[in-house]
Amino acid sequence: MVNKVVEMSTMKGNPSVVIVTLNRPESFNSITVDVLDGLMNAAEKIAANSEFRAVILTGQGGYFSSGADFSLFSSAMNETDTPKARIIGAKGANVCKAWESLPQLTIAAIEGGVVGGALAIAMACDWRVMAKDSYAYVPEVKMGVNFGWGALPRLTALIGAPKAKLMSILCRKHGAGECAEWGLADYVSEKGHAIKKAMEIADEVSAFPGLPVQLIKRGVNVSANALAAASGYADLEDLLLCMRDGEATKYRMETIGKIQRKGK
């Protein structure tokens, strides 16, 4: 247990594989400050343990994560002190960087949906396993904000510029099959078996010598992400700008209202 909303355990029969689980099933594992803090804490613990060879990230209750909780939007939107707002807004990007920087191989095991900020975190993992009936969804434009947390450079590297624009602007849901065809999903499992497939891959990875695996991962990431900082550096400022834009704010509040009425 990392905190009450993020669990961390080792795989039965293979203690070199770590399983990190988002544990807010009552809200489809939506991402709060506590979740981000738990994921950061987990990353720090994993990075410091050379016995760990592979990591699986998943969600409790048959759903990976519905993305940023409304409380995150409210915190950034209501904070009038800009430096404090930047600290709040930077948490998600910092978690993604921490997970991407882990020396161990990381696998996101996705059931249900992987939405918005949760997709940003899943893309910071090395591989993604999606259950056949799962989907990826980027609703940020509907929420009147940009797709931040360093997500756009990663998404563009994975699926190419035209599809990255399509996915992050049109706010459509994309099924596992389409995600695999585009290169966003690396494996598609049967419904309910994403974690099983992720365990199989992690078990396979953990059998190899750890150092060469980690060095290859580092080399690929350096090559693939060479321009990520240059293209994603303004994420945070873009978010704060969207939070203060009148049209975007109006659209965001209308969208939140519709969601909340639907949930009643």
Protein backbone atom coordinates (compact mmCIF):
# COMPACT_ATOMS: atom_id res chain seq x y z
CA MET A 1 0.00 0.00 0.00
CA VAL A 2 1.44 3.39 -1.02
CA ASN A 3 -1.54 5.41 0.23
CA LYS A 4 -5.27 4.75 0.48
CA VAL A 5 -5.86 5.28 -3.26
CA VAL A 6 -2.73 3.70 -4.78
CA GLU A 7 -1.73 0.14 -3.95
CA MET A 8 1.63 -1.47 -4.61
CA SER A 9 2.40 -5.17 -4.39
CA THR A 10 4.62 -7.79 -5.99
CA MET A 11 3.36 -10.45 -8.39
CA LYS A 12 2.60 -13.84 -6.86
CA GLY A 13 5.41 -16.22 -7.79
CA ASN A 14 7.67 -13.46 -9.10
CA PRO A 15 8.67 -10.78 -6.57
CA SER A 16 10.71 -8.94 -9.21
CA VAL A 17 7.46 -7.77 -10.85
CA VAL A 18 5.62 -4.90 -9.14
CA ILE A 19 1.90 -4.24 -9.59
CA VAL A 20 0.69 -0.68 -8.94
CA THR A 21 -3.10 -0.34 -8.76
CA LEU A 22 -5.28 2.76 -8.77
CA ASN A 23 -7.87 2.13 -6.08
CA ARG A 24 -10.81 4.52 -6.46
CA PRO A 25 -13.30 2.17 -8.18
CA GLU A 26 -16.27 4.17 -6.89
CA SER A 27 -15.20 7.01 -9.23
CA PHE A 28 -13.73 4.85 -12.01
CA ASN A 29 -10.28 5.54 -10.55
CA SER A 30 -10.41 9.24 -11.38
CA ILE A 31 -7.14 11.04 -10.71
CA THR A 32 -6.97 13.28 -7.65
CA VAL A 33 -4.01 14.96 -5.97
CA ASP A 34 -3.78 11.91 -3.67
CA VAL A 35 -3.59 9.58 -6.69
CA LEU A 36 -0.83 11.68 -8.27
CA ASP A 37 1.07 11.76 -4.98
CA GLY A 38 0.67 7.98 -4.65
CA LEU A 39 1.92 7.35 -8.18
CA MET A 40 4.92 9.61 -7.60
CA ASN A 41 5.71 7.86 -4.31
CA ALA A 42 5.40 4.46 -6.00
CA ALA A 43 7.74 5.52 -8.81
CA GLU A 44 10.34 6.70 -6.31
CA LYS A 45 10.20 3.41 -4.38
CA ILE A 46 10.41 1.31 -7.54
CA ALA A 47 13.29 3.31 -9.01
CA ALA A 48 15.27 2.86 -5.77
CA ASN A 49 14.93 -0.95 -5.75
CA SER A 50 17.27 -2.77 -8.13
CA GLU A 51 15.50 -6.08 -7.42
CA PHE A 52 12.47 -4.95 -9.40
CA ARG A 53 12.62 -5.83 -13.11
CA ALA A 54 9.16 -4.93 -14.44
CA VAL A 55 6.14 -2.89 -13.34
CA ILE A 56 2.45 -3.22 -14.17
CA LEU A 57 0.10 -0.26 -13.77
CA THR A 58 -3.62 -0.98 -13.65
CA GLY A 59 -6.93 0.09 -12.15
CA GLN A 60 -9.27 -1.54 -9.64
CA GLY A 61 -12.82 -2.52 -10.52
CA GLY A 62 -12.49 -3.33 -14.22
CA TYR A 63 -11.68 0.23 -15.30
CA PHE A 64 -8.23 1.75 -15.75
CA SER A 65 -9.08 5.40 -15.05
CA SER A 66 -11.59 8.06 -16.05
CA GLY A 67 -8.85 10.71 -16.00
CA ALA A 68 -8.51 13.89 -13.99
CA ASP A 69 -11.06 14.31 -11.24
CA PHE A 70 -13.09 17.54 -11.24
CA SER A 71 -11.28 18.48 -8.02
CA LEU A 72 -8.05 18.88 -10.01
CA PHE A 73 -9.75 21.30 -12.40
CA SER A 74 -11.25 23.22 -9.48
CA SER A 75 -7.91 23.48 -7.66
CA ALA A 76 -6.14 24.95 -10.68
CA MET A 77 -9.08 27.11 -11.75
CA ASN A 78 -9.78 28.64 -8.32
CA GLU A 79 -6.17 29.32 -7.35
CA THR A 80 -5.51 33.04 -7.86
CA ASP A 81 -1.81 32.82 -6.98
CA THR A 82 -0.16 31.90 -10.30
CA PRO A 83 2.96 30.23 -8.82
CA LYS A 84 0.72 28.04 -6.63
CA ALA A 85 -1.50 27.23 -9.63
CA ARG A 86 1.61 26.20 -11.58
CA ILE A 87 2.61 23.81 -8.77
CA ILE A 88 -0.84 22.19 -8.86
CA GLY A 89 -0.83 22.04 -12.66
CA ALA A 90 2.65 20.51 -12.84
CA LYS A 91 1.83 17.46 -10.69
CA GLY A 92 0.47 15.36 -13.56
CA ALA A 93 3.38 16.10 -15.89
CA ASN A 94 5.86 15.33 -13.12
CA VAL A 95 4.21 11.93 -12.50
CA CYS A 96 4.39 11.11 -16.21
CA LYS A 97 8.08 12.06 -16.29
CA ALA A 98 8.78 9.93 -13.22
CA TRP A 99 7.08 6.88 -14.73
CA GLU A 100 8.72 7.36 -18.10
CA SER A 101 12.11 7.65 -16.37
CA LEU A 102 11.80 4.41 -14.40
CA PRO A 103 14.68 2.09 -15.30
CA GLN A 104 12.36 -0.93 -15.15
CA LEU A 105 10.08 -1.92 -18.04
CA THR A 106 6.54 -0.66 -17.41
CA ILE A 107 3.27 -2.05 -18.74
CA ALA A 108 -0.17 -0.43 -18.49
CA ALA A 109 -2.91 -3.08 -18.21
CA ILE A 110 -6.11 -1.40 -19.40
CA GLU A 111 -9.67 -2.58 -18.83
CA GLY A 112 -12.73 -0.40 -19.41
CA GLY A 113 -11.45 3.04 -20.35
CA VAL A 114 -8.24 5.03 -20.30
CA VAL A 115 -9.29 8.67 -20.38
CA GLY A 116 -7.48 12.02 -20.63
CA GLY A 117 -4.78 12.34 -17.99
CA ALA A 118 -4.88 8.59 -17.41
CA LEU A 119 -3.93 8.09 -21.05
CA ALA A 120 -1.06 10.53 -20.53
CA ILE A 121 0.21 8.32 -17.69
CA ALA A 122 -0.36 5.10 -19.66
CA MET A 123 1.65 6.55 -22.57
CA ALA A 124 4.52 7.20 -20.15
CA CYS A 125 4.69 3.41 -19.74
CA ASP A 126 6.71 1.32 -22.18
CA TRP A 127 3.86 -0.90 -23.34
CA ARG A 128 0.07 -0.88 -23.19
CA VAL A 129 -2.19 -3.93 -23.03
CA MET A 130 -5.84 -3.14 -23.78
CA ALA A 131 -8.74 -5.52 -23.22
CA LYS A 132 -10.74 -6.15 -26.39
CA ASP A 133 -13.73 -4.09 -25.18
CA SER A 134 -11.70 -1.20 -23.70
CA TYR A 135 -11.24 2.24 -25.23
CA ALA A 136 -9.03 5.33 -25.16
CA TYR A 137 -10.65 8.75 -24.97
CA VAL A 138 -9.26 12.29 -24.88
CA PRO A 139 -12.13 14.64 -23.82
CA GLU A 140 -9.94 17.63 -22.92
CA VAL A 141 -11.31 19.95 -25.63
CA LYS A 142 -14.83 19.27 -24.28
CA MET A 143 -13.48 20.32 -20.90
CA GLY A 144 -12.09 23.55 -22.33
CA VAL A 145 -8.43 22.64 -21.72
CA ASN A 146 -5.42 21.42 -23.67
CA PHE A 147 -4.19 17.81 -23.62
CA GLY A 148 -1.27 18.38 -21.28
CA TRP A 149 1.00 16.45 -18.91
CA GLY A 150 3.50 16.02 -21.75
CA ALA A 151 0.98 13.84 -23.58
CA LEU A 152 1.03 15.38 -27.06
CA PRO A 153 4.70 14.63 -27.87
CA ARG A 154 4.24 11.04 -26.66
CA LEU A 155 0.97 10.59 -28.55
CA THR A 156 2.48 12.04 -31.74
CA ALA A 157 5.52 9.75 -31.45
CA LEU A 158 3.26 6.71 -31.06
CA ILE A 159 0.58 7.31 -33.70
CA GLY A 160 1.78 10.18 -35.91
CA ALA A 161 0.68 13.79 -36.24
CA PRO A 162 -2.63 13.45 -38.17
CA LYS A 163 -4.03 10.78 -35.84
CA ALA A 164 -2.74 12.63 -32.75
CA LYS A 165 -4.72 15.67 -33.88
CA LEU A 166 -7.77 13.54 -34.63
CA MET A 167 -7.66 11.84 -31.25
CA SER A 168 -6.99 14.92 -29.13
CA ILE A 169 -9.24 17.41 -30.95
CA LEU A 170 -12.38 15.50 -32.00
CA CYS A 171 -13.02 13.87 -28.58
CA ARG A 172 -14.01 10.47 -29.96
CA LYS A 173 -13.68 7.14 -28.19
CA HIS A 174 -11.23 4.75 -29.85
CA GLY A 175 -11.56 1.02 -29.26
CA ALA A 176 -8.71 -1.34 -28.50
CA GLY A 177 -8.58 -2.67 -32.05
CA GLU A 178 -8.21 0.80 -33.52
CA CYS A 179 -5.63 1.72 -30.88
CA ALA A 180 -3.60 -1.38 -31.78
CA GLU A 181 -3.82 -0.57 -35.49
CA TRP A 182 -2.57 2.95 -34.82
CA GLY A 183 0.26 1.85 -32.51
CA LEU A 184 -1.17 3.14 -29.25
CA ALA A 185 -1.88 -0.36 -27.89
CA ASP A 186 0.85 -2.99 -28.10
CA TYR A 187 -1.32 -5.97 -27.17
CA VAL A 188 -5.06 -6.65 -27.16
CA SER A 189 -6.35 -9.21 -24.67
CA GLU A 190 -9.70 -10.82 -24.05
CA LYS A 191 -12.07 -8.90 -21.78
CA GLY A 192 -10.92 -9.16 -18.16
CA HIS A 193 -7.51 -10.55 -19.12
CA ALA A 194 -5.40 -7.40 -19.60
CA ILE A 195 -3.65 -7.90 -16.26
CA LYS A 196 -3.01 -11.58 -17.08
CA LYS A 197 -1.39 -10.67 -20.40
CA ALA A 198 0.64 -7.91 -18.72
CA MET A 199 1.86 -10.43 -16.14
CA GLU A 200 2.96 -12.81 -18.89
CA ILE A 201 4.98 -10.06 -20.56
CA ALA A 202 6.43 -8.87 -17.25
CA ASP A 203 7.38 -12.44 -16.34
CA GLU A 204 9.16 -12.80 -19.68
CA VAL A 205 11.02 -9.49 -19.28
CA SER A 206 12.07 -10.23 -15.71
CA ALA A 207 13.84 -13.43 -16.80
CA PHE A 208 16.42 -11.45 -18.81
CA PRO A 209 19.48 -9.75 -17.30
CA GLY A 210 18.24 -6.46 -15.90
CA LEU A 211 21.03 -4.12 -16.95
CA PRO A 212 20.94 -4.65 -20.74
CA VAL A 213 17.14 -4.34 -20.71
CA GLN A 214 17.34 -1.06 -18.82
CA LEU A 215 20.09 0.32 -21.06
CA ILE A 216 18.12 -0.51 -24.21
CA LYS A 217 15.02 1.12 -22.73
CA ARG A 218 17.03 4.24 -21.92
CA GLY A 219 18.54 4.36 -25.40
CA VAL A 220 15.18 4.01 -27.15
CA ASN A 221 13.56 6.64 -24.91
CA VAL A 222 16.37 9.14 -25.48
CA SER A 223 16.00 8.68 -29.22
CA ALA A 224 12.19 8.73 -29.29
CA ASN A 225 11.79 11.63 -26.87
CA ALA A 226 14.62 13.86 -28.09
CA LEU A 227 12.25 16.72 -28.99
CA ALA A 228 9.60 16.08 -26.33
CA ALA A 229 10.79 18.83 -23.99
CA ALA A 230 11.01 21.33 -26.85
CA SER A 231 7.48 20.59 -28.06
CA GLY A 232 5.79 20.13 -24.68
CA TYR A 233 7.42 22.77 -22.52
CA ALA A 234 4.42 25.13 -22.71
CA ASP A 235 1.85 22.54 -21.53
CA LEU A 236 1.43 24.11 -18.12
CA GLU A 237 1.12 27.67 -19.39
CA ASP A 238 -1.40 26.47 -21.99
CA LEU A 239 -3.47 24.87 -19.22
CA LEU A 240 -3.49 28.01 -17.09
CA LEU A 241 -4.39 30.08 -20.16
CA CYS A 242 -7.33 27.76 -20.95
CA MET A 243 -8.46 27.94 -17.31
CA ARG A 244 -8.75 31.71 -17.61
CA ASP A 245 -10.27 31.88 -21.10
CA GLY A 246 -13.93 32.92 -21.02
CA GLU A 247 -15.20 30.70 -23.85
CA ALA A 248 -13.24 27.66 -22.67
CA THR A 249 -14.41 28.15 -19.07
CA LYS A 250 -18.05 28.44 -20.15
CA TYR A 251 -17.76 25.23 -22.19
CA ARG A 252 -16.01 23.46 -19.32
CA MET A 253 -18.68 24.37 -16.76
CA GLU A 254 -21.45 23.30 -19.16
CA THR A 255 -19.71 19.96 -19.74
CA ILE A 256 -19.16 19.36 -16.02
CA GLY A 257 -22.81 20.23 -15.37
CA LYS A 258 -24.01 17.71 -17.95
CA ILE A 259 -21.81 14.99 -16.50
CA GLN A 260 -22.94 15.69 -12.95
CA ARG A 261 -26.64 15.70 -13.96
CA LYS A 262 -26.16 12.44 -15.82
CA GLY A 263 -24.59 10.87 -12.74
CA LYS A 264 -27.56 11.69 -10.50
